[in-house]
Amino acid sequence: MAATKIEKAGVSFSIGKQGTPITVELRPNHDTISALRGVHVSFELLNGISPAQAKKLADALNENVIGLLVTAASDDKAEAAAAGEAARKL
């Protein structure tokens, strides 16, 4: 049976490097979500969005979004095996 694992992190948003397309980047404040380690998340905006509009959007997200929740299924057998291995090392 698979259980779910919920991981949380505080986040902020910024405008991606200047260029086309304009993007809003998600930046976790800490490296606490294992599924996102080494992953870069950006949101591509519609064509015609100006850099000023993108900045306003990122500012609104920073004012209203406090965190990111990631839910992943975890395999009970794998977790039990890892826990058993850790117990044997004690």
PDB file of N, CA and C in Angstrom:
ATOM      1  N   MET A   1       0.844  -1.170   0.000  1.00  0.00           N
ATOM      2  CA  MET A   1       0.000   0.000   0.000  1.00  0.00           C
ATOM      3  C   MET A   1       0.894   1.239   0.000  1.00  0.00           C
ATOM      4  N   ALA A   2       0.558   2.206  -0.812  1.00  0.00           N
ATOM      5  CA  ALA A   2       1.358   3.420  -0.897  1.00  0.00           C
ATOM      6  C   ALA A   2       0.794   4.486   0.028  1.00  0.00           C
ATOM      7  N   ALA A   3       1.670   5.133   0.742  1.00  0.00           N
ATOM      8  CA  ALA A   3       1.290   6.247   1.600  1.00  0.00           C
ATOM      9  C   ALA A   3       1.703   7.531   0.897  1.00  0.00           C
ATOM     10  N   THR A   4       1.130   8.636   1.322  1.00  0.00           N
ATOM     11  CA  THR A   4       1.528   9.898   0.713  1.00  0.00           C
ATOM     12  C   THR A   4       2.440  10.652   1.660  1.00  0.00           C
ATOM     13  N   LYS A   5       3.366  11.345   1.062  1.00  0.00           N
ATOM     14  CA  LYS A   5       4.332  12.148   1.815  1.00  0.00           C
ATOM     15  C   LYS A   5       4.175  13.583   1.338  1.00  0.00           C
ATOM     16  N   ILE A   6       3.945  14.497   2.275  1.00  0.00           N
ATOM     17  CA  ILE A   6       3.780  15.899   1.929  1.00  0.00           C
ATOM     18  C   ILE A   6       5.003  16.666   2.427  1.00  0.00           C
ATOM     19  N   GLU A   7       5.621  17.392   1.501  1.00  0.00           N
ATOM     20  CA  GLU A   7       6.775  18.220   1.838  1.00  0.00           C
ATOM     21  C   GLU A   7       6.414  19.673   1.551  1.00  0.00           C
ATOM     22  N   LYS A   8       6.911  20.595   2.389  1.00  0.00           N
ATOM     23  CA  LYS A   8       6.596  22.016   2.260  1.00  0.00           C
ATOM     24  C   LYS A   8       7.871  22.841   2.182  1.00  0.00           C
ATOM     25  N   ALA A   9       7.751  23.974   1.507  1.00  0.00           N
ATOM     26  CA  ALA A   9       8.859  24.938   1.475  1.00  0.00           C
ATOM     27  C   ALA A   9       8.298  26.331   1.255  1.00  0.00           C
ATOM     28  N   GLY A  10       8.897  27.307   1.902  1.00  0.00           N
ATOM     29  CA  GLY A  10       8.582  28.690   1.599  1.00  0.00           C
ATOM     30  C   GLY A  10       9.168  29.022   0.236  1.00  0.00           C
ATOM     31  N   VAL A  11       8.489  29.882  -0.500  1.00  0.00           N
ATOM     32  CA  VAL A  11       8.950  30.208  -1.849  1.00  0.00           C
ATOM     33  C   VAL A  11       8.852  31.701  -2.112  1.00  0.00           C
ATOM     34  N   SER A  12       9.571  32.116  -3.130  1.00  0.00           N
ATOM     35  CA  SER A  12       9.440  33.465  -3.665  1.00  0.00           C
ATOM     36  C   SER A  12       9.471  33.364  -5.186  1.00  0.00           C
ATOM     37  N   PHE A  13       9.109  34.456  -5.829  1.00  0.00           N
ATOM     38  CA  PHE A  13       9.034  34.487  -7.286  1.00  0.00           C
ATOM     39  C   PHE A  13       9.857  35.647  -7.806  1.00  0.00           C
ATOM     40  N   SER A  14      10.431  35.460  -8.970  1.00  0.00           N
ATOM     41  CA  SER A  14      11.188  36.531  -9.617  1.00  0.00           C
ATOM     42  C   SER A  14      11.016  36.403 -11.121  1.00  0.00           C
ATOM     43  N   ILE A  15      11.409  37.433 -11.824  1.00  0.00           N
ATOM     44  CA  ILE A  15      11.346  37.410 -13.282  1.00  0.00           C
ATOM     45  C   ILE A  15      12.591  36.699 -13.793  1.00  0.00           C
ATOM     46  N   GLY A  16      12.392  35.837 -14.788  1.00  0.00           N
ATOM     47  CA  GLY A  16      13.511  35.109 -15.371  1.00  0.00           C
ATOM     48  C   GLY A  16      14.444  36.042 -16.123  1.00  0.00           C
ATOM     49  N   LYS A  17      15.551  35.497 -16.543  1.00  0.00           N
ATOM     50  CA  LYS A  17      16.520  36.286 -17.296  1.00  0.00           C
ATOM     51  C   LYS A  17      15.833  36.925 -18.494  1.00  0.00           C
ATOM     52  N   GLN A  18      16.230  38.143 -18.787  1.00  0.00           N
ATOM     53  CA  GLN A  18      15.603  38.872 -19.877  1.00  0.00           C
ATOM     54  C   GLN A  18      15.756  38.112 -21.185  1.00  0.00           C
ATOM     55  N   GLY A  19      14.701  38.073 -21.928  1.00  0.00           N
ATOM     56  CA  GLY A  19      14.706  37.367 -23.198  1.00  0.00           C
ATOM     57  C   GLY A  19      13.295  36.961 -23.542  1.00  0.00           C
ATOM     58  N   THR A  20      13.179  36.201 -24.572  1.00  0.00           N
ATOM     59  CA  THR A  20      11.873  35.724 -24.990  1.00  0.00           C
ATOM     60  C   THR A  20      11.850  34.234 -24.838  1.00  0.00           C
ATOM     61  N   PRO A  21      10.889  33.647 -24.265  1.00  0.00           N
ATOM     62  CA  PRO A  21       9.722  34.259 -23.637  1.00  0.00           C
ATOM     63  C   PRO A  21      10.045  34.754 -22.232  1.00  0.00           C
ATOM     64  N   ILE A  22       9.211  35.658 -21.736  1.00  0.00           N
ATOM     65  CA  ILE A  22       9.363  36.134 -20.360  1.00  0.00           C
ATOM     66  C   ILE A  22       8.841  35.044 -19.428  1.00  0.00           C
ATOM     67  N   THR A  23       9.557  34.800 -18.353  1.00  0.00           N
ATOM     68  CA  THR A  23       9.167  33.766 -17.402  1.00  0.00           C
ATOM     69  C   THR A  23       9.141  34.325 -15.981  1.00  0.00           C
ATOM     70  N   VAL A  24       8.331  33.680 -15.149  1.00  0.00           N
ATOM     71  CA  VAL A  24       8.347  33.929 -13.709  1.00  0.00           C
ATOM     72  C   VAL A  24       8.959  32.685 -13.092  1.00  0.00           C
ATOM     73  N   GLU A  25      10.000  32.862 -12.300  1.00  0.00           N
ATOM     74  CA  GLU A  25      10.709  31.735 -11.698  1.00  0.00           C
ATOM     75  C   GLU A  25      10.247  31.501 -10.271  1.00  0.00           C
ATOM     76  N   LEU A  26      10.076  30.240  -9.932  1.00  0.00           N
ATOM     77  CA  LEU A  26       9.757  29.815  -8.575  1.00  0.00           C
ATOM     78  C   LEU A  26      11.074  29.531  -7.873  1.00  0.00           C
ATOM     79  N   ARG A  27      11.278  30.154  -6.723  1.00  0.00           N
ATOM     80  CA  ARG A  27      12.525  29.969  -5.980  1.00  0.00           C
ATOM     81  C   ARG A  27      12.223  29.518  -4.556  1.00  0.00           C
ATOM     82  N   PRO A  28      12.460  28.237  -4.259  1.00  0.00           N
ATOM     83  CA  PRO A  28      12.283  27.787  -2.864  1.00  0.00           C
ATOM     84  C   PRO A  28      13.277  28.509  -1.956  1.00  0.00           C
ATOM     85  N   ASN A  29      12.826  28.893  -0.764  1.00  0.00           N
ATOM     86  CA  ASN A  29      13.703  29.588   0.178  1.00  0.00           C
ATOM     87  C   ASN A  29      14.740  28.650   0.786  1.00  0.00           C
ATOM     88  N   HIS A  30      14.401  27.360   0.888  1.00  0.00           N
ATOM     89  CA  HIS A  30      15.314  26.362   1.435  1.00  0.00           C
ATOM     90  C   HIS A  30      15.197  25.097   0.596  1.00  0.00           C
ATOM     91  N   ASP A  31      16.189  24.256   0.655  1.00  0.00           N
ATOM     92  CA  ASP A  31      16.222  23.004  -0.112  1.00  0.00           C
ATOM     93  C   ASP A  31      15.579  21.889   0.715  1.00  0.00           C
ATOM     94  N   THR A  32      14.267  22.043   1.024  1.00  0.00           N
ATOM     95  CA  THR A  32      13.601  21.092   1.909  1.00  0.00           C
ATOM     96  C   THR A  32      12.715  20.089   1.183  1.00  0.00           C
ATOM     97  N   ILE A  33      12.468  20.289  -0.098  1.00  0.00           N
ATOM     98  CA  ILE A  33      11.624  19.363  -0.855  1.00  0.00           C
ATOM     99  C   ILE A  33      12.525  18.482  -1.709  1.00  0.00           C
ATOM    100  N   SER A  34      12.624  17.206  -1.318  1.00  0.00           N
ATOM    101  CA  SER A  34      13.567  16.306  -1.982  1.00  0.00           C
ATOM    102  C   SER A  34      13.268  16.142  -3.473  1.00  0.00           C
ATOM    103  N   ALA A  35      12.004  16.149  -3.857  1.00  0.00           N
ATOM    104  CA  ALA A  35      11.644  15.961  -5.268  1.00  0.00           C
ATOM    105  C   ALA A  35      12.086  17.133  -6.141  1.00  0.00           C
ATOM    106  N   LEU A  36      12.353  18.275  -5.538  1.00  0.00           N
ATOM    107  CA  LEU A  36      12.744  19.459  -6.312  1.00  0.00           C
ATOM    108  C   LEU A  36      14.233  19.758  -6.269  1.00  0.00           C
ATOM    109  N   ARG A  37      15.012  18.923  -5.607  1.00  0.00           N
ATOM    110  CA  ARG A  37      16.457  19.164  -5.565  1.00  0.00           C
ATOM    111  C   ARG A  37      17.029  19.075  -6.971  1.00  0.00           C
ATOM    112  N   GLY A  38      17.711  20.116  -7.369  1.00  0.00           N
ATOM    113  CA  GLY A  38      18.312  20.153  -8.698  1.00  0.00           C
ATOM    114  C   GLY A  38      17.329  20.492  -9.808  1.00  0.00           C
ATOM    115  N   VAL A  39      16.096  20.870  -9.451  1.00  0.00           N
ATOM    116  CA  VAL A  39      15.070  21.194 -10.446  1.00  0.00           C
ATOM    117  C   VAL A  39      14.837  22.698 -10.447  1.00  0.00           C
ATOM    118  N   HIS A  40      14.711  23.266 -11.630  1.00  0.00           N
ATOM    119  CA  HIS A  40      14.416  24.693 -11.793  1.00  0.00           C
ATOM    120  C   HIS A  40      13.006  24.797 -12.349  1.00  0.00           C
ATOM    121  N   VAL A  41      12.124  25.555 -11.682  1.00  0.00           N
ATOM    122  CA  VAL A  41      10.736  25.690 -12.120  1.00  0.00           C
ATOM    123  C   VAL A  41      10.490  27.120 -12.577  1.00  0.00           C
ATOM    124  N   SER A  42      10.002  27.266 -13.811  1.00  0.00           N
ATOM    125  CA  SER A  42       9.649  28.572 -14.375  1.00  0.00           C
ATOM    126  C   SER A  42       8.281  28.469 -15.016  1.00  0.00           C
ATOM    127  N   PHE A  43       7.566  29.575 -14.994  1.00  0.00           N
ATOM    128  CA  PHE A  43       6.272  29.662 -15.649  1.00  0.00           C
ATOM    129  C   PHE A  43       6.409  30.583 -16.851  1.00  0.00           C
ATOM    130  N   GLU A  44       6.120  30.064 -18.030  1.00  0.00           N
ATOM    131  CA  GLU A  44       6.202  30.859 -19.251  1.00  0.00           C
ATOM    132  C   GLU A  44       4.942  31.699 -19.370  1.00  0.00           C
ATOM    133  N   LEU A  45       5.115  32.996 -19.600  1.00  0.00           N
ATOM    134  CA  LEU A  45       3.980  33.905 -19.705  1.00  0.00           C
ATOM    135  C   LEU A  45       3.534  34.054 -21.152  1.00  0.00           C
ATOM    136  N   LEU A  46       2.315  34.505 -21.310  1.00  0.00           N
ATOM    137  CA  LEU A  46       1.754  34.695 -22.645  1.00  0.00           C
ATOM    138  C   LEU A  46       2.572  35.699 -23.453  1.00  0.00           C
ATOM    139  N   ASN A  47       2.588  35.508 -24.759  1.00  0.00           N
ATOM    140  CA  ASN A  47       3.217  36.505 -25.639  1.00  0.00           C
ATOM    141  C   ASN A  47       2.484  37.819 -25.451  1.00  0.00           C
ATOM    142  N   GLY A  48       3.189  38.911 -25.491  1.00  0.00           N
ATOM    143  CA  GLY A  48       2.580  40.222 -25.333  1.00  0.00           C
ATOM    144  C   GLY A  48       2.633  40.754 -23.911  1.00  0.00           C
ATOM    145  N   ILE A  49       3.014  39.903 -22.945  1.00  0.00           N
ATOM    146  CA  ILE A  49       3.170  40.377 -21.575  1.00  0.00           C
ATOM    147  C   ILE A  49       4.474  41.163 -21.511  1.00  0.00           C
ATOM    148  N   SER A  50       4.387  42.379 -21.011  1.00  0.00           N
ATOM    149  CA  SER A  50       5.582  43.226 -20.930  1.00  0.00           C
ATOM    150  C   SER A  50       6.385  42.873 -19.682  1.00  0.00           C
ATOM    151  N   PRO A  51       7.655  43.251 -19.662  1.00  0.00           N
ATOM    152  CA  PRO A  51       8.451  43.036 -18.450  1.00  0.00           C
ATOM    153  C   PRO A  51       7.827  43.707 -17.217  1.00  0.00           C
ATOM    154  N   ALA A  52       7.218  44.871 -17.390  1.00  0.00           N
ATOM    155  CA  ALA A  52       6.567  45.559 -16.261  1.00  0.00           C
ATOM    156  C   ALA A  52       5.373  44.758 -15.748  1.00  0.00           C
ATOM    157  N   GLN A  53       4.590  44.175 -16.668  1.00  0.00           N
ATOM    158  CA  GLN A  53       3.454  43.338 -16.264  1.00  0.00           C
ATOM    159  C   GLN A  53       3.944  42.075 -15.558  1.00  0.00           C
ATOM    160  N   ALA A  54       5.021  41.507 -16.058  1.00  0.00           N
ATOM    161  CA  ALA A  54       5.587  40.305 -15.442  1.00  0.00           C
ATOM    162  C   ALA A  54       6.075  40.615 -14.022  1.00  0.00           C
ATOM    163  N   LYS A  55       6.705  41.761 -13.840  1.00  0.00           N
ATOM    164  CA  LYS A  55       7.170  42.172 -12.514  1.00  0.00           C
ATOM    165  C   LYS A  55       5.989  42.349 -11.574  1.00  0.00           C
ATOM    166  N   LYS A  56       4.916  42.954 -12.060  1.00  0.00           N
ATOM    167  CA  LYS A  56       3.712  43.147 -11.246  1.00  0.00           C
ATOM    168  C   LYS A  56       3.124  41.794 -10.839  1.00  0.00           C
ATOM    169  N   LEU A  57       3.125  40.829 -11.752  1.00  0.00           N
ATOM    170  CA  LEU A  57       2.632  39.486 -11.462  1.00  0.00           C
ATOM    171  C   LEU A  57       3.503  38.807 -10.398  1.00  0.00           C
ATOM    172  N   ALA A  58       4.814  38.885 -10.553  1.00  0.00           N
ATOM    173  CA  ALA A  58       5.725  38.288  -9.568  1.00  0.00           C
ATOM    174  C   ALA A  58       5.543  38.944  -8.202  1.00  0.00           C
ATOM    175  N   ASP A  59       5.364  40.258  -8.179  1.00  0.00           N
ATOM    176  CA  ASP A  59       5.136  40.962  -6.907  1.00  0.00           C
ATOM    177  C   ASP A  59       3.839  40.493  -6.255  1.00  0.00           C
ATOM    178  N   ALA A  60       2.773  40.325  -7.056  1.00  0.00           N
ATOM    179  CA  ALA A  60       1.494  39.856  -6.521  1.00  0.00           C
ATOM    180  C   ALA A  60       1.622  38.436  -5.967  1.00  0.00           C
ATOM    181  N   LEU A  61       2.368  37.581  -6.661  1.00  0.00           N
ATOM    182  CA  LEU A  61       2.588  36.223  -6.161  1.00  0.00           C
ATOM    183  C   LEU A  61       3.368  36.247  -4.850  1.00  0.00           C
ATOM    184  N   ASN A  62       4.388  37.090  -4.756  1.00  0.00           N
ATOM    185  CA  ASN A  62       5.186  37.187  -3.534  1.00  0.00           C
ATOM    186  C   ASN A  62       4.357  37.682  -2.347  1.00  0.00           C
ATOM    187  N   GLU A  63       3.361  38.516  -2.615  1.00  0.00           N
ATOM    188  CA  GLU A  63       2.513  39.041  -1.550  1.00  0.00           C
ATOM    189  C   GLU A  63       1.461  38.035  -1.092  1.00  0.00           C
ATOM    190  N   ASN A  64       1.089  37.085  -1.965  1.00  0.00           N
ATOM    191  CA  ASN A  64      -0.049  36.217  -1.673  1.00  0.00           C
ATOM    192  C   ASN A  64       0.260  34.735  -1.530  1.00  0.00           C
ATOM    193  N   VAL A  65       1.391  34.285  -2.022  1.00  0.00           N
ATOM    194  CA  VAL A  65       1.757  32.869  -1.927  1.00  0.00           C
ATOM    195  C   VAL A  65       2.814  32.725  -0.841  1.00  0.00           C
ATOM    196  N   ILE A  66       2.544  31.853   0.128  1.00  0.00           N
ATOM    197  CA  ILE A  66       3.501  31.710   1.231  1.00  0.00           C
ATOM    198  C   ILE A  66       4.335  30.444   1.142  1.00  0.00           C
ATOM    199  N   GLY A  67       3.893  29.484   0.337  1.00  0.00           N
ATOM    200  CA  GLY A  67       4.668  28.252   0.274  1.00  0.00           C
ATOM    201  C   GLY A  67       4.219  27.335  -0.837  1.00  0.00           C
ATOM    202  N   LEU A  68       4.948  26.259  -0.967  1.00  0.00           N
ATOM    203  CA  LEU A  68       4.703  25.231  -1.960  1.00  0.00           C
ATOM    204  C   LEU A  68       4.555  23.904  -1.239  1.00  0.00           C
ATOM    205  N   LEU A  69       3.526  23.135  -1.587  1.00  0.00           N
ATOM    206  CA  LEU A  69       3.321  21.805  -1.036  1.00  0.00           C
ATOM    207  C   LEU A  69       3.511  20.798  -2.162  1.00  0.00           C
ATOM    208  N   VAL A  70       4.300  19.778  -1.923  1.00  0.00           N
ATOM    209  CA  VAL A  70       4.509  18.706  -2.892  1.00  0.00           C
ATOM    210  C   VAL A  70       4.072  17.407  -2.234  1.00  0.00           C
ATOM    211  N   THR A  71       3.149  16.709  -2.886  1.00  0.00           N
ATOM    212  CA  THR A  71       2.656  15.432  -2.371  1.00  0.00           C
ATOM    213  C   THR A  71       3.165  14.333  -3.281  1.00  0.00           C
ATOM    214  N   ALA A  72       3.820  13.346  -2.696  1.00  0.00           N
ATOM    215  CA  ALA A  72       4.368  12.233  -3.466  1.00  0.00           C
ATOM    216  C   ALA A  72       3.968  10.932  -2.797  1.00  0.00           C
ATOM    217  N   ALA A  73       3.664   9.943  -3.614  1.00  0.00           N
ATOM    218  CA  ALA A  73       3.382   8.615  -3.072  1.00  0.00           C
ATOM    219  C   ALA A  73       4.707   7.992  -2.672  1.00  0.00           C
ATOM    220  N   SER A  74       4.720   7.352  -1.520  1.00  0.00           N
ATOM    221  CA  SER A  74       5.931   6.665  -1.084  1.00  0.00           C
ATOM    222  C   SER A  74       5.615   5.189  -0.925  1.00  0.00           C
ATOM    223  N   ASP A  75       6.536   4.374  -1.295  1.00  0.00           N
ATOM    224  CA  ASP A  75       6.359   2.932  -1.241  1.00  0.00           C
ATOM    225  C   ASP A  75       6.663   2.440   0.168  1.00  0.00           C
ATOM    226  N   ASP A  76       5.661   1.873   0.846  1.00  0.00           N
ATOM    227  CA  ASP A  76       5.838   1.398   2.215  1.00  0.00           C
ATOM    228  C   ASP A  76       6.950   0.355   2.323  1.00  0.00           C
ATOM    229  N   LYS A  77       7.066  -0.530   1.328  1.00  0.00           N
ATOM    230  CA  LYS A  77       8.093  -1.568   1.378  1.00  0.00           C
ATOM    231  C   LYS A  77       9.486  -0.946   1.345  1.00  0.00           C
ATOM    232  N   ALA A  78       9.669   0.053   0.508  1.00  0.00           N
ATOM    233  CA  ALA A  78      10.974   0.708   0.414  1.00  0.00           C
ATOM    234  C   ALA A  78      11.297   1.428   1.719  1.00  0.00           C
ATOM    235  N   GLU A  79      10.298   2.088   2.306  1.00  0.00           N
ATOM    236  CA  GLU A  79      10.522   2.775   3.569  1.00  0.00           C
ATOM    237  C   GLU A  79      10.828   1.784   4.690  1.00  0.00           C
ATOM    238  N   ALA A  80      10.113   0.642   4.712  1.00  0.00           N
ATOM    239  CA  ALA A  80      10.350  -0.369   5.739  1.00  0.00           C
ATOM    240  C   ALA A  80      11.748  -0.952   5.588  1.00  0.00           C
ATOM    241  N   ALA A  81      12.176  -1.181   4.353  1.00  0.00           N
ATOM    242  CA  ALA A  81      13.508  -1.710   4.117  1.00  0.00           C
ATOM    243  C   ALA A  81      14.576  -0.715   4.572  1.00  0.00           C
ATOM    244  N   ALA A  82      14.361   0.553   4.282  1.00  0.00           N
ATOM    245  CA  ALA A  82      15.322   1.576   4.695  1.00  0.00           C
ATOM    246  C   ALA A  82      15.363   1.671   6.221  1.00  0.00           C
ATOM    247  N   ALA A  83      14.215   1.601   6.865  1.00  0.00           N
ATOM    248  CA  ALA A  83      14.170   1.683   8.319  1.00  0.00           C
ATOM    249  C   ALA A  83      14.843   0.450   8.939  1.00  0.00           C
ATOM    250  N   GLY A  84      14.619  -0.730   8.347  1.00  0.00           N
ATOM    251  CA  GLY A  84      15.259  -1.945   8.835  1.00  0.00           C
ATOM    252  C   GLY A  84      16.768  -1.887   8.700  1.00  0.00           C
ATOM    253  N   GLU A  85      17.228  -1.358   7.584  1.00  0.00           N
ATOM    254  CA  GLU A  85      18.664  -1.213   7.358  1.00  0.00           C
ATOM    255  C   GLU A  85      19.283  -0.237   8.355  1.00  0.00           C
ATOM    256  N   ALA A  86      18.577   0.850   8.626  1.00  0.00           N
ATOM    257  CA  ALA A  86      19.075   1.834   9.593  1.00  0.00           C
ATOM    258  C   ALA A  86      19.120   1.233  10.989  1.00  0.00           C
ATOM    259  N   ALA A  87      18.126   0.421  11.336  1.00  0.00           N
ATOM    260  CA  ALA A  87      18.083  -0.210  12.660  1.00  0.00           C
ATOM    261  C   ALA A  87      19.223  -1.210  12.817  1.00  0.00           C
ATOM    262  N   ARG A  88      19.576  -1.923  11.733  1.00  0.00           N
ATOM    263  CA  ARG A  88      20.672  -2.877  11.805  1.00  0.00           C
ATOM    264  C   ARG A  88      22.010  -2.197  12.026  1.00  0.00           C
ATOM    265  N   LYS A  89      22.143  -0.967  11.551  1.00  0.00           N
ATOM    266  CA  LYS A  89      23.399  -0.233  11.697  1.00  0.00           C
ATOM    267  C   LYS A  89      23.604   0.285  13.113  1.00  0.00           C
ATOM    268  N   LEU A  90      22.504   0.341  13.885  1.00  0.00           N
ATOM    269  CA  LEU A  90      22.612   0.827  15.267  1.00  0.00           C
ATOM    270  C   LEU A  90      23.196  -0.207  16.110  1.00  0.00           C
TER     271      LEU A  90
END
